[in-house]
Amino acid sequence: MLRSFTAAAALAAAVVVSAVWHRRCRRLRREAVAERLMAGCALRDNAALAREVERFRRRMDAVLAQREVLREADLVLTAALDGTTEIDPSTEGGPAA
């Protein structure tokens, strides 16, 4: 009788340990899947952000280039209106003086 009780207790303990072990394995697999999913989302989000930053940089480059052209045109116009220009009209395609 004692022997069958000991065997039943050992079997019950083995079942409990097995259940705990399988539960732990499932939890670890879920965590691994969640980590891979988060890593994939991070890669996707970083790639989208890099594309947005590149588009913004191109727009800013265009705006800055346009401002530079306007600044240069303003300098030329101001110099022409002040009569302090050093531009030779004959070399610029304008009427010769």
C-alpha atoms as a PDB file:
ATOM      1  CA  MET A   1       0.000   0.000   0.000  1.00  0.00           C
ATOM      2  CA  LEU A   2       2.750   2.422   0.934  1.00  0.00           C
ATOM      3  CA  ARG A   3       4.549   1.563  -2.247  1.00  0.00           C
ATOM      4  CA  SER A   4       1.520   2.385  -4.443  1.00  0.00           C
ATOM      5  CA  PHE A   5       0.973   5.610  -2.465  1.00  0.00           C
ATOM      6  CA  THR A   6       4.609   6.627  -3.039  1.00  0.00           C
ATOM      7  CA  ALA A   7       4.321   5.800  -6.736  1.00  0.00           C
ATOM      8  CA  ALA A   8       1.105   7.846  -7.003  1.00  0.00           C
ATOM      9  CA  ALA A   9       2.737  10.773  -5.197  1.00  0.00           C
ATOM     10  CA  ALA A  10       5.758  10.565  -7.478  1.00  0.00           C
ATOM     11  CA  LEU A  11       3.490  10.444 -10.522  1.00  0.00           C
ATOM     12  CA  ALA A  12       1.487  13.407  -9.270  1.00  0.00           C
ATOM     13  CA  ALA A  13       4.701  15.359  -8.644  1.00  0.00           C
ATOM     14  CA  ALA A  14       5.933  14.483 -12.128  1.00  0.00           C
ATOM     15  CA  VAL A  15       2.646  15.703 -13.641  1.00  0.00           C
ATOM     16  CA  VAL A  16       2.881  18.986 -11.716  1.00  0.00           C
ATOM     17  CA  VAL A  17       6.524  19.508 -12.713  1.00  0.00           C
ATOM     18  CA  SER A  18       5.680  18.696 -16.325  1.00  0.00           C
ATOM     19  CA  ALA A  19       2.766  21.143 -16.327  1.00  0.00           C
ATOM     20  CA  VAL A  20       4.926  23.882 -14.801  1.00  0.00           C
ATOM     21  CA  TRP A  21       7.704  23.157 -17.304  1.00  0.00           C
ATOM     22  CA  HIS A  22       5.337  23.281 -20.289  1.00  0.00           C
ATOM     23  CA  ARG A  23       3.735  26.495 -19.026  1.00  0.00           C
ATOM     24  CA  ARG A  24       7.189  28.060 -18.682  1.00  0.00           C
ATOM     25  CA  CYS A  25       8.164  26.937 -22.189  1.00  0.00           C
ATOM     26  CA  ARG A  26       4.968  28.416 -23.644  1.00  0.00           C
ATOM     27  CA  ARG A  27       5.624  31.709 -21.837  1.00  0.00           C
ATOM     28  CA  LEU A  28       9.191  31.820 -23.145  1.00  0.00           C
ATOM     29  CA  ARG A  29       7.990  31.117 -26.690  1.00  0.00           C
ATOM     30  CA  ARG A  30       5.374  33.883 -26.401  1.00  0.00           C
ATOM     31  CA  GLU A  31       8.028  36.302 -25.156  1.00  0.00           C
ATOM     32  CA  ALA A  32      10.364  35.358 -28.029  1.00  0.00           C
ATOM     33  CA  VAL A  33       7.582  35.877 -30.573  1.00  0.00           C
ATOM     34  CA  ALA A  34       6.683  39.222 -28.988  1.00  0.00           C
ATOM     35  CA  GLU A  35      10.330  40.329 -29.134  1.00  0.00           C
ATOM     36  CA  ARG A  36      10.591  39.377 -32.827  1.00  0.00           C
ATOM     37  CA  LEU A  37       7.353  41.205 -33.542  1.00  0.00           C
ATOM     38  CA  MET A  38       8.570  44.335 -31.746  1.00  0.00           C
ATOM     39  CA  ALA A  39      11.911  44.182 -33.582  1.00  0.00           C
ATOM     40  CA  GLY A  40      10.085  43.914 -36.902  1.00  0.00           C
ATOM     41  CA  CYS A  41       7.873  46.867 -36.003  1.00  0.00           C
ATOM     42  CA  ALA A  42      10.919  48.902 -34.973  1.00  0.00           C
ATOM     43  CA  LEU A  43      12.622  48.158 -38.307  1.00  0.00           C
ATOM     44  CA  ARG A  44       9.494  49.111 -40.230  1.00  0.00           C
ATOM     45  CA  ASP A  45       8.993  52.313 -38.230  1.00  0.00           C
ATOM     46  CA  ASN A  46      12.661  53.319 -38.542  1.00  0.00           C
ATOM     47  CA  ALA A  47      12.572  52.804 -42.305  1.00  0.00           C
ATOM     48  CA  ALA A  48       9.415  54.934 -42.575  1.00  0.00           C
ATOM     49  CA  LEU A  49      10.993  57.628 -40.416  1.00  0.00           C
ATOM     50  CA  ALA A  50      14.151  57.615 -42.548  1.00  0.00           C
ATOM     51  CA  ARG A  51      12.014  58.114 -45.676  1.00  0.00           C
ATOM     52  CA  GLU A  52      10.154  61.008 -44.036  1.00  0.00           C
ATOM     53  CA  VAL A  53      13.415  62.635 -42.912  1.00  0.00           C
ATOM     54  CA  GLU A  54      14.838  62.305 -46.432  1.00  0.00           C
ATOM     55  CA  ARG A  55      11.721  63.900 -47.965  1.00  0.00           C
ATOM     56  CA  PHE A  56      11.910  66.730 -45.409  1.00  0.00           C
ATOM     57  CA  ARG A  57      15.636  67.241 -46.134  1.00  0.00           C
ATOM     58  CA  ARG A  58      14.969  67.491 -49.884  1.00  0.00           C
ATOM     59  CA  ARG A  59      12.193  70.038 -49.295  1.00  0.00           C
ATOM     60  CA  MET A  60      14.443  72.055 -46.990  1.00  0.00           C
ATOM     61  CA  ASP A  61      17.279  71.966 -49.533  1.00  0.00           C
ATOM     62  CA  ALA A  62      14.922  73.332 -52.195  1.00  0.00           C
ATOM     63  CA  VAL A  63      13.657  76.094 -49.886  1.00  0.00           C
ATOM     64  CA  LEU A  64      17.187  77.059 -48.845  1.00  0.00           C
ATOM     65  CA  ALA A  65      18.338  77.125 -52.486  1.00  0.00           C
ATOM     66  CA  GLN A  66      15.372  79.322 -53.400  1.00  0.00           C
ATOM     67  CA  ARG A  67      16.161  81.691 -50.514  1.00  0.00           C
ATOM     68  CA  GLU A  68      19.780  81.893 -51.653  1.00  0.00           C
ATOM     69  CA  VAL A  69      18.682  82.794 -55.192  1.00  0.00           C
ATOM     70  CA  LEU A  70      16.333  85.457 -53.820  1.00  0.00           C
ATOM     71  CA  ARG A  71      19.072  86.837 -51.573  1.00  0.00           C
ATOM     72  CA  GLU A  72      21.479  87.095 -54.499  1.00  0.00           C
ATOM     73  CA  ALA A  73      18.796  88.718 -56.670  1.00  0.00           C
ATOM     74  CA  ASP A  74      18.065  91.217 -53.891  1.00  0.00           C
ATOM     75  CA  LEU A  75      21.771  92.103 -53.672  1.00  0.00           C
ATOM     76  CA  VAL A  76      21.978  92.635 -57.449  1.00  0.00           C
ATOM     77  CA  LEU A  77      18.801  94.708 -57.493  1.00  0.00           C
ATOM     78  CA  THR A  78      19.903  96.831 -54.539  1.00  0.00           C
ATOM     79  CA  ALA A  79      23.279  97.465 -56.144  1.00  0.00           C
ATOM     80  CA  ALA A  80      21.643  98.368 -59.462  1.00  0.00           C
ATOM     81  CA  LEU A  81      19.238 100.801 -57.795  1.00  0.00           C
ATOM     82  CA  ASP A  82      22.034 102.393 -55.774  1.00  0.00           C
ATOM     83  CA  GLY A  83      24.181 102.732 -58.869  1.00  0.00           C
ATOM     84  CA  THR A  84      27.045 100.999 -57.106  1.00  0.00           C
ATOM     85  CA  THR A  85      27.027  97.950 -59.267  1.00  0.00           C
ATOM     86  CA  GLU A  86      30.247  96.762 -60.776  1.00  0.00           C
ATOM     87  CA  ILE A  87      28.429  94.785 -63.457  1.00  0.00           C
ATOM     88  CA  ASP A  88      29.502  95.629 -67.000  1.00  0.00           C
ATOM     89  CA  PRO A  89      26.285  95.590 -69.066  1.00  0.00           C
ATOM     90  CA  SER A  90      28.192  94.640 -72.212  1.00  0.00           C
ATOM     91  CA  THR A  91      29.238  91.352 -70.621  1.00  0.00           C
ATOM     92  CA  GLU A  92      25.805  90.656 -69.231  1.00  0.00           C
ATOM     93  CA  GLY A  93      23.928  90.789 -72.512  1.00  0.00           C
ATOM     94  CA  GLY A  94      22.342  94.193 -71.839  1.00  0.00           C
ATOM     95  CA  PRO A  95      22.500  97.250 -74.090  1.00  0.00           C
ATOM     96  CA  ALA A  96      25.989  98.717 -74.452  1.00  0.00           C
ATOM     97  CA  ALA A  97      26.401 102.175 -72.970  1.00  0.00           C
END
